[in-house]
Amino acid sequence: MIKGTGVDLCSIPRMKLHIRSEKFLKRVFSEEEISFALSKACPEQHFAGYYAAREALAKALTLGLWDMGLKNAWVVHGKMGEPQFSFNDILIKILAERGISKAWLSISHERDMAIAFVILEA
């Protein structure tokens, strides 16, 4: 059963400006996300996708991004390279209270935009 859906877009050029700040990077992204993105030719695409993923998750949970917390969820990559969420204990508790057992995530980028789509499943 679907418990929530969310989608978000993020401007890649705008993210490219923001990631110049190490303070911004550390405030928003996990060390794993930072390492992965910076190892790529266009890290701003990955950071924009990660940010859109957080926004889409917050929407699926019907929470504001600040209420959900920027660092309570982060993107990891599965065995096939697919994006997945990892959650801290605070968000694990919220998900359990809402009867959510799985969070599906898809991220894509094209030209100047990154998009993320989230489905929450019971």
PDB file of N, CA and C in Angstrom:
ATOM      1  N   MET A   1       0.840  -1.176   0.000  1.00  0.00           N
ATOM      2  CA  MET A   1       0.000   0.000   0.000  1.00  0.00           C
ATOM      3  C   MET A   1       0.892   1.249   0.000  1.00  0.00           C
ATOM      4  N   ILE A   2       0.558   2.196  -0.846  1.00  0.00           N
ATOM      5  CA  ILE A   2       1.310   3.446  -0.922  1.00  0.00           C
ATOM      6  C   ILE A   2       0.859   4.379   0.198  1.00  0.00           C
ATOM      7  N   LYS A   3       1.821   4.860   0.971  1.00  0.00           N
ATOM      8  CA  LYS A   3       1.547   5.757   2.097  1.00  0.00           C
ATOM      9  C   LYS A   3       1.872   7.212   1.779  1.00  0.00           C
ATOM     10  N   GLY A   4       2.599   7.453   0.690  1.00  0.00           N
ATOM     11  CA  GLY A   4       2.940   8.821   0.321  1.00  0.00           C
ATOM     12  C   GLY A   4       3.790   8.863  -0.926  1.00  0.00           C
ATOM     13  N   THR A   5       3.682   9.977  -1.650  1.00  0.00           N
ATOM     14  CA  THR A   5       4.535  10.206  -2.815  1.00  0.00           C
ATOM     15  C   THR A   5       5.050  11.643  -2.751  1.00  0.00           C
ATOM     16  N   GLY A   6       6.200  11.861  -3.340  1.00  0.00           N
ATOM     17  CA  GLY A   6       6.754  13.204  -3.412  1.00  0.00           C
ATOM     18  C   GLY A   6       7.681  13.329  -4.601  1.00  0.00           C
ATOM     19  N   VAL A   7       7.725  14.525  -5.149  1.00  0.00           N
ATOM     20  CA  VAL A   7       8.604  14.797  -6.287  1.00  0.00           C
ATOM     21  C   VAL A   7       9.201  16.189  -6.095  1.00  0.00           C
ATOM     22  N   ASP A   8      10.420  16.369  -6.557  1.00  0.00           N
ATOM     23  CA  ASP A   8      11.037  17.693  -6.455  1.00  0.00           C
ATOM     24  C   ASP A   8      12.065  17.875  -7.564  1.00  0.00           C
ATOM     25  N   LEU A   9      12.205  19.117  -8.003  1.00  0.00           N
ATOM     26  CA  LEU A   9      13.227  19.534  -8.963  1.00  0.00           C
ATOM     27  C   LEU A   9      14.256  20.408  -8.264  1.00  0.00           C
ATOM     28  N   CYS A  10      15.492  20.349  -8.728  1.00  0.00           N
ATOM     29  CA  CYS A  10      16.537  21.217  -8.196  1.00  0.00           C
ATOM     30  C   CYS A  10      17.404  21.704  -9.361  1.00  0.00           C
ATOM     31  N   SER A  11      17.708  22.984  -9.360  1.00  0.00           N
ATOM     32  CA  SER A  11      18.541  23.594 -10.390  1.00  0.00           C
ATOM     33  C   SER A  11      20.008  23.186 -10.203  1.00  0.00           C
ATOM     34  N   ILE A  12      20.565  22.566 -11.212  1.00  0.00           N
ATOM     35  CA  ILE A  12      21.968  22.159 -11.146  1.00  0.00           C
ATOM     36  C   ILE A  12      22.904  23.373 -11.129  1.00  0.00           C
ATOM     37  N   PRO A  13      22.694  24.407 -11.967  1.00  0.00           N
ATOM     38  CA  PRO A  13      23.570  25.579 -11.889  1.00  0.00           C
ATOM     39  C   PRO A  13      23.517  26.274 -10.515  1.00  0.00           C
ATOM     40  N   ARG A  14      22.330  26.333  -9.922  1.00  0.00           N
ATOM     41  CA  ARG A  14      22.224  26.941  -8.595  1.00  0.00           C
ATOM     42  C   ARG A  14      22.991  26.111  -7.557  1.00  0.00           C
ATOM     43  N   MET A  15      22.889  24.784  -7.675  1.00  0.00           N
ATOM     44  CA  MET A  15      23.621  23.923  -6.755  1.00  0.00           C
ATOM     45  C   MET A  15      25.122  24.088  -6.949  1.00  0.00           C
ATOM     46  N   LYS A  16      25.555  24.277  -8.203  1.00  0.00           N
ATOM     47  CA  LYS A  16      26.984  24.462  -8.472  1.00  0.00           C
ATOM     48  C   LYS A  16      27.530  25.674  -7.715  1.00  0.00           C
ATOM     49  N   LEU A  17      26.720  26.724  -7.610  1.00  0.00           N
ATOM     50  CA  LEU A  17      27.129  27.903  -6.843  1.00  0.00           C
ATOM     51  C   LEU A  17      27.212  27.594  -5.353  1.00  0.00           C
ATOM     52  N   HIS A  18      26.218  26.877  -4.839  1.00  0.00           N
ATOM     53  CA  HIS A  18      26.154  26.593  -3.395  1.00  0.00           C
ATOM     54  C   HIS A  18      27.260  25.661  -2.925  1.00  0.00           C
ATOM     55  N   ILE A  19      27.634  24.700  -3.755  1.00  0.00           N
ATOM     56  CA  ILE A  19      28.610  23.710  -3.282  1.00  0.00           C
ATOM     57  C   ILE A  19      30.036  24.254  -3.246  1.00  0.00           C
ATOM     58  N   ARG A  20      30.200  25.487  -3.642  1.00  0.00           N
ATOM     59  CA  ARG A  20      31.518  26.134  -3.468  1.00  0.00           C
ATOM     60  C   ARG A  20      31.814  26.348  -1.988  1.00  0.00           C
ATOM     61  N   SER A  21      30.761  26.378  -1.181  1.00  0.00           N
ATOM     62  CA  SER A  21      30.890  26.596   0.253  1.00  0.00           C
ATOM     63  C   SER A  21      31.003  25.260   0.990  1.00  0.00           C
ATOM     64  N   GLU A  22      32.130  25.048   1.643  1.00  0.00           N
ATOM     65  CA  GLU A  22      32.306  23.828   2.429  1.00  0.00           C
ATOM     66  C   GLU A  22      31.307  23.787   3.579  1.00  0.00           C
ATOM     67  N   LYS A  23      30.975  24.948   4.120  1.00  0.00           N
ATOM     68  CA  LYS A  23      29.980  25.025   5.197  1.00  0.00           C
ATOM     69  C   LYS A  23      28.626  24.499   4.711  1.00  0.00           C
ATOM     70  N   PHE A  24      28.214  24.893   3.509  1.00  0.00           N
ATOM     71  CA  PHE A  24      26.962  24.410   2.932  1.00  0.00           C
ATOM     72  C   PHE A  24      27.018  22.896   2.752  1.00  0.00           C
ATOM     73  N   LEU A  25      28.094  22.400   2.165  1.00  0.00           N
ATOM     74  CA  LEU A  25      28.226  20.961   1.931  1.00  0.00           C
ATOM     75  C   LEU A  25      28.056  20.175   3.223  1.00  0.00           C
ATOM     76  N   LYS A  26      28.753  20.592   4.264  1.00  0.00           N
ATOM     77  CA  LYS A  26      28.725  19.853   5.534  1.00  0.00           C
ATOM     78  C   LYS A  26      27.405  20.013   6.271  1.00  0.00           C
ATOM     79  N   ARG A  27      26.710  21.120   6.039  1.00  0.00           N
ATOM     80  CA  ARG A  27      25.421  21.355   6.706  1.00  0.00           C
ATOM     81  C   ARG A  27      24.313  20.530   6.066  1.00  0.00           C
ATOM     82  N   VAL A  28      24.433  20.264   4.766  1.00  0.00           N
ATOM     83  CA  VAL A  28      23.340  19.636   4.028  1.00  0.00           C
ATOM     84  C   VAL A  28      23.578  18.155   3.726  1.00  0.00           C
ATOM     85  N   PHE A  29      24.796  17.777   3.389  1.00  0.00           N
ATOM     86  CA  PHE A  29      25.056  16.446   2.857  1.00  0.00           C
ATOM     87  C   PHE A  29      25.887  15.590   3.802  1.00  0.00           C
ATOM     88  N   SER A  30      25.706  14.267   3.684  1.00  0.00           N
ATOM     89  CA  SER A  30      26.493  13.323   4.481  1.00  0.00           C
ATOM     90  C   SER A  30      27.900  13.201   3.887  1.00  0.00           C
ATOM     91  N   GLU A  31      28.811  12.693   4.672  1.00  0.00           N
ATOM     92  CA  GLU A  31      30.175  12.470   4.184  1.00  0.00           C
ATOM     93  C   GLU A  31      30.177  11.509   2.995  1.00  0.00           C
ATOM     94  N   GLU A  32      29.318  10.503   3.047  1.00  0.00           N
ATOM     95  CA  GLU A  32      29.230   9.531   1.950  1.00  0.00           C
ATOM     96  C   GLU A  32      28.749  10.199   0.662  1.00  0.00           C
ATOM     97  N   GLU A  33      27.754  11.083   0.773  1.00  0.00           N
ATOM     98  CA  GLU A  33      27.260  11.800  -0.410  1.00  0.00           C
ATOM     99  C   GLU A  33      28.340  12.722  -0.967  1.00  0.00           C
ATOM    100  N   ILE A  34      29.026  13.416  -0.089  1.00  0.00           N
ATOM    101  CA  ILE A  34      30.077  14.346  -0.507  1.00  0.00           C
ATOM    102  C   ILE A  34      31.189  13.586  -1.238  1.00  0.00           C
ATOM    103  N   SER A  35      31.650  12.499  -0.654  1.00  0.00           N
ATOM    104  CA  SER A  35      32.725  11.703  -1.271  1.00  0.00           C
ATOM    105  C   SER A  35      32.310  11.175  -2.639  1.00  0.00           C
ATOM    106  N   PHE A  36      31.092  10.630  -2.715  1.00  0.00           N
ATOM    107  CA  PHE A  36      30.624  10.065  -3.981  1.00  0.00           C
ATOM    108  C   PHE A  36      30.523  11.152  -5.049  1.00  0.00           C
ATOM    109  N   ALA A  37      29.844  12.246  -4.723  1.00  0.00           N
ATOM    110  CA  ALA A  37      29.617  13.308  -5.705  1.00  0.00           C
ATOM    111  C   ALA A  37      30.932  13.927  -6.177  1.00  0.00           C
ATOM    112  N   LEU A  38      31.841  14.190  -5.242  1.00  0.00           N
ATOM    113  CA  LEU A  38      33.113  14.822  -5.614  1.00  0.00           C
ATOM    114  C   LEU A  38      34.014  13.904  -6.436  1.00  0.00           C
ATOM    115  N   SER A  39      33.710  12.604  -6.445  1.00  0.00           N
ATOM    116  CA  SER A  39      34.500  11.677  -7.257  1.00  0.00           C
ATOM    117  C   SER A  39      34.031  11.656  -8.715  1.00  0.00           C
ATOM    118  N   LYS A  40      32.950  12.361  -9.005  1.00  0.00           N
ATOM    119  CA  LYS A  40      32.362  12.371 -10.349  1.00  0.00           C
ATOM    120  C   LYS A  40      32.763  13.618 -11.128  1.00  0.00           C
ATOM    121  N   ALA A  41      32.650  13.549 -12.446  1.00  0.00           N
ATOM    122  CA  ALA A  41      33.031  14.664 -13.316  1.00  0.00           C
ATOM    123  C   ALA A  41      32.160  15.900 -13.099  1.00  0.00           C
ATOM    124  N   CYS A  42      30.879  15.705 -12.817  1.00  0.00           N
ATOM    125  CA  CYS A  42      29.937  16.811 -12.593  1.00  0.00           C
ATOM    126  C   CYS A  42      29.267  16.638 -11.226  1.00  0.00           C
ATOM    127  N   PRO A  43      29.978  16.929 -10.149  1.00  0.00           N
ATOM    128  CA  PRO A  43      29.417  16.679  -8.824  1.00  0.00           C
ATOM    129  C   PRO A  43      28.130  17.449  -8.552  1.00  0.00           C
ATOM    130  N   GLU A  44      27.976  18.605  -9.192  1.00  0.00           N
ATOM    131  CA  GLU A  44      26.771  19.403  -8.949  1.00  0.00           C
ATOM    132  C   GLU A  44      25.504  18.656  -9.354  1.00  0.00           C
ATOM    133  N   GLN A  45      25.584  17.781 -10.354  1.00  0.00           N
ATOM    134  CA  GLN A  45      24.413  16.980 -10.742  1.00  0.00           C
ATOM    135  C   GLN A  45      23.988  16.064  -9.603  1.00  0.00           C
ATOM    136  N   HIS A  46      24.965  15.448  -8.971  1.00  0.00           N
ATOM    137  CA  HIS A  46      24.673  14.510  -7.888  1.00  0.00           C
ATOM    138  C   HIS A  46      24.159  15.248  -6.655  1.00  0.00           C
ATOM    139  N   PHE A  47      24.807  16.365  -6.323  1.00  0.00           N
ATOM    140  CA  PHE A  47      24.332  17.137  -5.167  1.00  0.00           C
ATOM    141  C   PHE A  47      22.913  17.651  -5.390  1.00  0.00           C
ATOM    142  N   ALA A  48      22.607  18.107  -6.596  1.00  0.00           N
ATOM    143  CA  ALA A  48      21.249  18.571  -6.902  1.00  0.00           C
ATOM    144  C   ALA A  48      20.255  17.423  -6.771  1.00  0.00           C
ATOM    145  N   GLY A  49      20.620  16.248  -7.232  1.00  0.00           N
ATOM    146  CA  GLY A  49      19.762  15.072  -7.100  1.00  0.00           C
ATOM    147  C   GLY A  49      19.546  14.688  -5.648  1.00  0.00           C
ATOM    148  N   TYR A  50      20.606  14.749  -4.848  1.00  0.00           N
ATOM    149  CA  TYR A  50      20.487  14.419  -3.421  1.00  0.00           C
ATOM    150  C   TYR A  50      19.573  15.411  -2.709  1.00  0.00           C
ATOM    151  N   TYR A  51      19.723  16.685  -3.052  1.00  0.00           N
ATOM    152  CA  TYR A  51      18.874  17.705  -2.424  1.00  0.00           C
ATOM    153  C   TYR A  51      17.409  17.505  -2.834  1.00  0.00           C
ATOM    154  N   ALA A  52      17.178  17.251  -4.118  1.00  0.00           N
ATOM    155  CA  ALA A  52      15.819  17.001  -4.600  1.00  0.00           C
ATOM    156  C   ALA A  52      15.237  15.768  -3.910  1.00  0.00           C
ATOM    157  N   ALA A  53      16.064  14.765  -3.646  1.00  0.00           N
ATOM    158  CA  ALA A  53      15.597  13.555  -2.964  1.00  0.00           C
ATOM    159  C   ALA A  53      15.101  13.883  -1.560  1.00  0.00           C
ATOM    160  N   ARG A  54      15.829  14.721  -0.835  1.00  0.00           N
ATOM    161  CA  ARG A  54      15.390  15.122   0.511  1.00  0.00           C
ATOM    162  C   ARG A  54      14.057  15.864   0.444  1.00  0.00           C
ATOM    163  N   GLU A  55      13.960  16.786  -0.499  1.00  0.00           N
ATOM    164  CA  GLU A  55      12.716  17.553  -0.655  1.00  0.00           C
ATOM    165  C   GLU A  55      11.553  16.629  -1.010  1.00  0.00           C
ATOM    166  N   ALA A  56      11.775  15.692  -1.921  1.00  0.00           N
ATOM    167  CA  ALA A  56      10.716  14.766  -2.320  1.00  0.00           C
ATOM    168  C   ALA A  56      10.303  13.882  -1.146  1.00  0.00           C
ATOM    169  N   LEU A  57      11.259  13.458  -0.335  1.00  0.00           N
ATOM    170  CA  LEU A  57      10.949  12.650   0.840  1.00  0.00           C
ATOM    171  C   LEU A  57      10.123  13.449   1.841  1.00  0.00           C
ATOM    172  N   ALA A  58      10.515  14.683   2.082  1.00  0.00           N
ATOM    173  CA  ALA A  58       9.754  15.535   3.008  1.00  0.00           C
ATOM    174  C   ALA A  58       8.318  15.696   2.514  1.00  0.00           C
ATOM    175  N   LYS A  59       8.146  15.896   1.222  1.00  0.00           N
ATOM    176  CA  LYS A  59       6.794  16.021   0.660  1.00  0.00           C
ATOM    177  C   LYS A  59       6.004  14.727   0.829  1.00  0.00           C
ATOM    178  N   ALA A  60       6.646  13.602   0.580  1.00  0.00           N
ATOM    179  CA  ALA A  60       5.962  12.318   0.732  1.00  0.00           C
ATOM    180  C   ALA A  60       5.537  12.086   2.182  1.00  0.00           C
ATOM    181  N   LEU A  61       6.316  12.604   3.108  1.00  0.00           N
ATOM    182  CA  LEU A  61       6.002  12.469   4.537  1.00  0.00           C
ATOM    183  C   LEU A  61       5.059  13.569   5.042  1.00  0.00           C
ATOM    184  N   THR A  62       4.728  14.511   4.152  1.00  0.00           N
ATOM    185  CA  THR A  62       3.929  15.701   4.489  1.00  0.00           C
ATOM    186  C   THR A  62       4.557  16.471   5.645  1.00  0.00           C
ATOM    187  N   LEU A  63       5.861  16.599   5.557  1.00  0.00           N
ATOM    188  CA  LEU A  63       6.638  17.401   6.509  1.00  0.00           C
ATOM    189  C   LEU A  63       7.353  18.498   5.739  1.00  0.00           C
ATOM    190  N   GLY A  64       7.653  19.582   6.405  1.00  0.00           N
ATOM    191  CA  GLY A  64       8.544  20.562   5.812  1.00  0.00           C
ATOM    192  C   GLY A  64       9.961  20.008   5.835  1.00  0.00           C
ATOM    193  N   LEU A  65      10.790  20.455   4.924  1.00  0.00           N
ATOM    194  CA  LEU A  65      12.172  19.969   4.874  1.00  0.00           C
ATOM    195  C   LEU A  65      12.890  20.229   6.195  1.00  0.00           C
ATOM    196  N   TRP A  66      12.663  21.398   6.781  1.00  0.00           N
ATOM    197  CA  TRP A  66      13.340  21.733   8.039  1.00  0.00           C
ATOM    198  C   TRP A  66      12.791  20.896   9.194  1.00  0.00           C
ATOM    199  N   ASP A  67      11.491  20.551   9.133  1.00  0.00           N
ATOM    200  CA  ASP A  67      10.913  19.672  10.157  1.00  0.00           C
ATOM    201  C   ASP A  67      11.478  18.265  10.046  1.00  0.00           C
ATOM    202  N   MET A  68      11.671  17.809   8.811  1.00  0.00           N
ATOM    203  CA  MET A  68      12.236  16.477   8.599  1.00  0.00           C
ATOM    204  C   MET A  68      13.706  16.455   9.000  1.00  0.00           C
ATOM    205  N   GLY A  69      14.402  17.533   8.716  1.00  0.00           N
ATOM    206  CA  GLY A  69      15.829  17.611   9.014  1.00  0.00           C
ATOM    207  C   GLY A  69      16.668  17.270   7.794  1.00  0.00           C
ATOM    208  N   LEU A  70      17.598  18.133   7.473  1.00  0.00           N
ATOM    209  CA  LEU A  70      18.432  17.938   6.287  1.00  0.00           C
ATOM    210  C   LEU A  70      19.305  16.696   6.358  1.00  0.00           C
ATOM    211  N   LYS A  71      19.745  16.343   7.564  1.00  0.00           N
ATOM    212  CA  LYS A  71      20.703  15.241   7.667  1.00  0.00           C
ATOM    213  C   LYS A  71      20.110  14.003   8.318  1.00  0.00           C
ATOM    214  N   ASN A  72      18.775  13.944   8.413  1.00  0.00           N
ATOM    215  CA  ASN A  72      18.132  12.755   8.972  1.00  0.00           C
ATOM    216  C   ASN A  72      17.948  11.663   7.924  1.00  0.00           C
ATOM    217  N   ALA A  73      18.066  12.036   6.659  1.00  0.00           N
ATOM    218  CA  ALA A  73      18.013  11.083   5.549  1.00  0.00           C
ATOM    219  C   ALA A  73      19.098  11.467   4.558  1.00  0.00           C
ATOM    220  N   TRP A  74      19.717  10.483   3.960  1.00  0.00           N
ATOM    221  CA  TRP A  74      20.740  10.754   2.959  1.00  0.00           C
ATOM    222  C   TRP A  74      20.704   9.642   1.916  1.00  0.00           C
ATOM    223  N   VAL A  75      21.323   9.910   0.784  1.00  0.00           N
ATOM    224  CA  VAL A  75      21.289   8.972  -0.337  1.00  0.00           C
ATOM    225  C   VAL A  75      22.542   8.106  -0.321  1.00  0.00           C
ATOM    226  N   VAL A  76      22.314   6.820  -0.467  1.00  0.00           N
ATOM    227  CA  VAL A  76      23.398   5.845  -0.640  1.00  0.00           C
ATOM    228  C   VAL A  76      23.129   5.131  -1.965  1.00  0.00           C
ATOM    229  N   HIS A  77      24.076   4.320  -2.380  1.00  0.00           N
ATOM    230  CA  HIS A  77      23.915   3.614  -3.649  1.00  0.00           C
ATOM    231  C   HIS A  77      23.937   2.112  -3.402  1.00  0.00           C
ATOM    232  N   GLY A  78      22.959   1.408  -3.972  1.00  0.00           N
ATOM    233  CA  GLY A  78      22.845  -0.039  -3.827  1.00  0.00           C
ATOM    234  C   GLY A  78      23.868  -0.778  -4.668  1.00  0.00           C
ATOM    235  N   LYS A  79      23.765  -2.090  -4.654  1.00  0.00           N
ATOM    236  CA  LYS A  79      24.716  -2.954  -5.357  1.00  0.00           C
ATOM    237  C   LYS A  79      24.782  -2.683  -6.858  1.00  0.00           C
ATOM    238  N   MET A  80      23.662  -2.260  -7.431  1.00  0.00           N
ATOM    239  CA  MET A  80      23.607  -1.973  -8.871  1.00  0.00           C
ATOM    240  C   MET A  80      23.773  -0.479  -9.150  1.00  0.00           C
ATOM    241  N   GLY A  81      24.129   0.297  -8.121  1.00  0.00           N
ATOM    242  CA  GLY A  81      24.311   1.729  -8.275  1.00  0.00           C
ATOM    243  C   GLY A  81      23.038   2.534  -8.088  1.00  0.00           C
ATOM    244  N   GLU A  82      21.927   1.842  -7.801  1.00  0.00           N
ATOM    245  CA  GLU A  82      20.638   2.520  -7.648  1.00  0.00           C
ATOM    246  C   GLU A  82      20.621   3.377  -6.372  1.00  0.00           C
ATOM    247  N   PRO A  83      19.969   4.548  -6.447  1.00  0.00           N
ATOM    248  CA  PRO A  83      19.887   5.389  -5.257  1.00  0.00           C
ATOM    249  C   PRO A  83      18.893   4.812  -4.259  1.00  0.00           C
ATOM    250  N   GLN A  84      19.276   4.883  -3.005  1.00  0.00           N
ATOM    251  CA  GLN A  84      18.431   4.436  -1.900  1.00  0.00           C
ATOM    252  C   GLN A  84      18.610   5.423  -0.767  1.00  0.00           C
ATOM    253  N   PHE A  85      17.627   5.459   0.131  1.00  0.00           N
ATOM    254  CA  PHE A  85      17.769   6.287   1.320  1.00  0.00           C
ATOM    255  C   PHE A  85      18.382   5.490   2.453  1.00  0.00           C
ATOM    256  N   SER A  86      19.122   6.201   3.271  1.00  0.00           N
ATOM    257  CA  SER A  86      19.531   5.711   4.574  1.00  0.00           C
ATOM    258  C   SER A  86      18.973   6.734   5.563  1.00  0.00           C
ATOM    259  N   PHE A  87      18.554   6.262   6.744  1.00  0.00           N
ATOM    260  CA  PHE A  87      17.893   7.134   7.716  1.00  0.00           C
ATOM    261  C   PHE A  87      18.577   7.041   9.074  1.00  0.00           C
ATOM    262  N   ASN A  88      18.548   8.160   9.813  1.00  0.00           N
ATOM    263  CA  ASN A  88      19.032   8.096  11.185  1.00  0.00           C
ATOM    264  C   ASN A  88      17.885   7.619  12.076  1.00  0.00           C
ATOM    265  N   ASP A  89      18.160   7.451  13.368  1.00  0.00           N
ATOM    266  CA  ASP A  89      17.173   6.897  14.297  1.00  0.00           C
ATOM    267  C   ASP A  89      15.914   7.747  14.408  1.00  0.00           C
ATOM    268  N   ILE A  90      16.053   9.070  14.302  1.00  0.00           N
ATOM    269  CA  ILE A  90      14.889   9.964  14.400  1.00  0.00           C
ATOM    270  C   ILE A  90      13.904   9.659  13.272  1.00  0.00           C
ATOM    271  N   LEU A  91      14.399   9.577  12.053  1.00  0.00           N
ATOM    272  CA  LEU A  91      13.512   9.337  10.915  1.00  0.00           C
ATOM    273  C   LEU A  91      13.020   7.892  10.879  1.00  0.00           C
ATOM    274  N   ILE A  92      13.833   6.953  11.325  1.00  0.00           N
ATOM    275  CA  ILE A  92      13.381   5.556  11.415  1.00  0.00           C
ATOM    276  C   ILE A  92      12.160   5.472  12.320  1.00  0.00           C
ATOM    277  N   LYS A  93      12.169   6.209  13.422  1.00  0.00           N
ATOM    278  CA  LYS A  93      11.038   6.215  14.356  1.00  0.00           C
ATOM    279  C   LYS A  93       9.794   6.824  13.700  1.00  0.00           C
ATOM    280  N   ILE A  94       9.961   7.930  12.985  1.00  0.00           N
ATOM    281  CA  ILE A  94       8.828   8.576  12.299  1.00  0.00           C
ATOM    282  C   ILE A  94       8.233   7.630  11.257  1.00  0.00           C
ATOM    283  N   LEU A  95       9.098   6.975  10.488  1.00  0.00           N
ATOM    284  CA  LEU A  95       8.620   6.036   9.469  1.00  0.00           C
ATOM    285  C   LEU A  95       7.851   4.883  10.111  1.00  0.00           C
ATOM    286  N   ALA A  96       8.386   4.344  11.192  1.00  0.00           N
ATOM    287  CA  ALA A  96       7.717   3.234  11.875  1.00  0.00           C
ATOM    288  C   ALA A  96       6.369   3.663  12.438  1.00  0.00           C
ATOM    289  N   GLU A  97       6.312   4.852  13.037  1.00  0.00           N
ATOM    290  CA  GLU A  97       5.053   5.363  13.593  1.00  0.00           C
ATOM    291  C   GLU A  97       3.981   5.514  12.514  1.00  0.00           C
ATOM    292  N   ARG A  98       4.415   5.787  11.289  1.00  0.00           N
ATOM    293  CA  ARG A  98       3.475   5.977  10.177  1.00  0.00           C
ATOM    294  C   ARG A  98       3.230   4.698   9.385  1.00  0.00           C
ATOM    295  N   GLY A  99       3.816   3.612   9.840  1.00  0.00           N
ATOM    296  CA  GLY A  99       3.600   2.333   9.170  1.00  0.00           C
ATOM    297  C   GLY A  99       4.299   2.208   7.838  1.00  0.00           C
ATOM    298  N   ILE A 100       5.389   2.934   7.663  1.00  0.00           N
ATOM    299  CA  ILE A 100       6.139   2.914   6.400  1.00  0.00           C
ATOM    300  C   ILE A 100       7.297   1.933   6.523  1.00  0.00           C
ATOM    301  N   SER A 101       7.336   0.958   5.607  1.00  0.00           N
ATOM    302  CA  SER A 101       8.380  -0.060   5.664  1.00  0.00           C
ATOM    303  C   SER A 101       9.426   0.094   4.558  1.00  0.00           C
ATOM    304  N   LYS A 102       9.098   0.858   3.510  1.00  0.00           N
ATOM    305  CA  LYS A 102      10.026   0.996   2.378  1.00  0.00           C
ATOM    306  C   LYS A 102       9.875   2.378   1.759  1.00  0.00           C
ATOM    307  N   ALA A 103      11.007   2.964   1.407  1.00  0.00           N
ATOM    308  CA  ALA A 103      11.019   4.240   0.684  1.00  0.00           C
ATOM    309  C   ALA A 103      11.730   3.993  -0.644  1.00  0.00           C
ATOM    310  N   TRP A 104      10.976   4.121  -1.731  1.00  0.00           N
ATOM    311  CA  TRP A 104      11.533   3.959  -3.068  1.00  0.00           C
ATOM    312  C   TRP A 104      11.996   5.320  -3.576  1.00  0.00           C
ATOM    313  N   LEU A 105      13.143   5.353  -4.231  1.00  0.00           N
ATOM    314  CA  LEU A 105      13.722   6.613  -4.695  1.00  0.00           C
ATOM    315  C   LEU A 105      14.217   6.476  -6.128  1.00  0.00           C
ATOM    316  N   SER A 106      13.889   7.463  -6.948  1.00  0.00           N
ATOM    317  CA  SER A 106      14.432   7.560  -8.294  1.00  0.00           C
ATOM    318  C   SER A 106      14.955   8.981  -8.483  1.00  0.00           C
ATOM    319  N   ILE A 107      16.155   9.090  -9.038  1.00  0.00           N
ATOM    320  CA  ILE A 107      16.783  10.396  -9.290  1.00  0.00           C
ATOM    321  C   ILE A 107      17.233  10.429 -10.744  1.00  0.00           C
ATOM    322  N   SER A 108      17.032  11.577 -11.385  1.00  0.00           N
ATOM    323  CA  SER A 108      17.506  11.752 -12.746  1.00  0.00           C
ATOM    324  C   SER A 108      17.935  13.198 -12.941  1.00  0.00           C
ATOM    325  N   HIS A 109      18.768  13.440 -13.948  1.00  0.00           N
ATOM    326  CA  HIS A 109      19.139  14.814 -14.293  1.00  0.00           C
ATOM    327  C   HIS A 109      19.199  14.955 -15.801  1.00  0.00           C
ATOM    328  N   GLU A 110      18.828  16.146 -16.236  1.00  0.00           N
ATOM    329  CA  GLU A 110      18.833  16.481 -17.667  1.00  0.00           C
ATOM    330  C   GLU A 110      19.149  17.967 -17.770  1.00  0.00           C
ATOM    331  N   ARG A 111      20.154  18.281 -18.527  1.00  0.00           N
ATOM    332  CA  ARG A 111      20.577  19.663 -18.729  1.00  0.00           C
ATOM    333  C   ARG A 111      20.763  20.377 -17.395  1.00  0.00           C
ATOM    334  N   ASP A 112      19.889  21.333 -17.087  1.00  0.00           N
ATOM    335  CA  ASP A 112      20.070  22.177 -15.903  1.00  0.00           C
ATOM    336  C   ASP A 112      19.246  21.764 -14.695  1.00  0.00           C
ATOM    337  N   MET A 113      18.551  20.628 -14.778  1.00  0.00           N
ATOM    338  CA  MET A 113      17.664  20.244 -13.685  1.00  0.00           C
ATOM    339  C   MET A 113      17.915  18.808 -13.222  1.00  0.00           C
ATOM    340  N   ALA A 114      17.738  18.614 -11.918  1.00  0.00           N
ATOM    341  CA  ALA A 114      17.738  17.266 -11.337  1.00  0.00           C
ATOM    342  C   ALA A 114      16.336  17.058 -10.767  1.00  0.00           C
ATOM    343  N   ILE A 115      15.860  15.830 -10.834  1.00  0.00           N
ATOM    344  CA  ILE A 115      14.535  15.488 -10.312  1.00  0.00           C
ATOM    345  C   ILE A 115      14.656  14.248  -9.444  1.00  0.00           C
ATOM    346  N   ALA A 116      13.854  14.213  -8.401  1.00  0.00           N
ATOM    347  CA  ALA A 116      13.767  13.025  -7.549  1.00  0.00           C
ATOM    348  C   ALA A 116      12.299  12.716  -7.312  1.00  0.00           C
ATOM    349  N   PHE A 117      11.996  11.424  -7.287  1.00  0.00           N
ATOM    350  CA  PHE A 117      10.643  10.954  -7.026  1.00  0.00           C
ATOM    351  C   PHE A 117      10.718   9.898  -5.927  1.00  0.00           C
ATOM    352  N   VAL A 118       9.822  10.013  -4.953  1.00  0.00           N
ATOM    353  CA  VAL A 118       9.800   9.113  -3.807  1.00  0.00           C
ATOM    354  C   VAL A 118       8.424   8.484  -3.669  1.00  0.00           C
ATOM    355  N   ILE A 119       8.401   7.203  -3.404  1.00  0.00           N
ATOM    356  CA  ILE A 119       7.166   6.492  -3.042  1.00  0.00           C
ATOM    357  C   ILE A 119       7.410   5.833  -1.688  1.00  0.00           C
ATOM    358  N   LEU A 120       6.506   6.084  -0.753  1.00  0.00           N
ATOM    359  CA  LEU A 120       6.571   5.448   0.568  1.00  0.00           C
ATOM    360  C   LEU A 120       5.556   4.324   0.599  1.00  0.00           C
ATOM    361  N   GLU A 121       5.996   3.161   1.040  1.00  0.00           N
ATOM    362  CA  GLU A 121       5.168   1.953   1.005  1.00  0.00           C
ATOM    363  C   GLU A 121       4.996   1.387   2.415  1.00  0.00           C
ATOM    364  N   ALA A 122       3.802   0.862   2.680  1.00  0.00           N
ATOM    365  CA  ALA A 122       3.526   0.218   3.971  1.00  0.00           C
ATOM    366  C   ALA A 122       4.175  -1.147   3.997  1.00  0.00           C
TER     367      ALA A 122
END
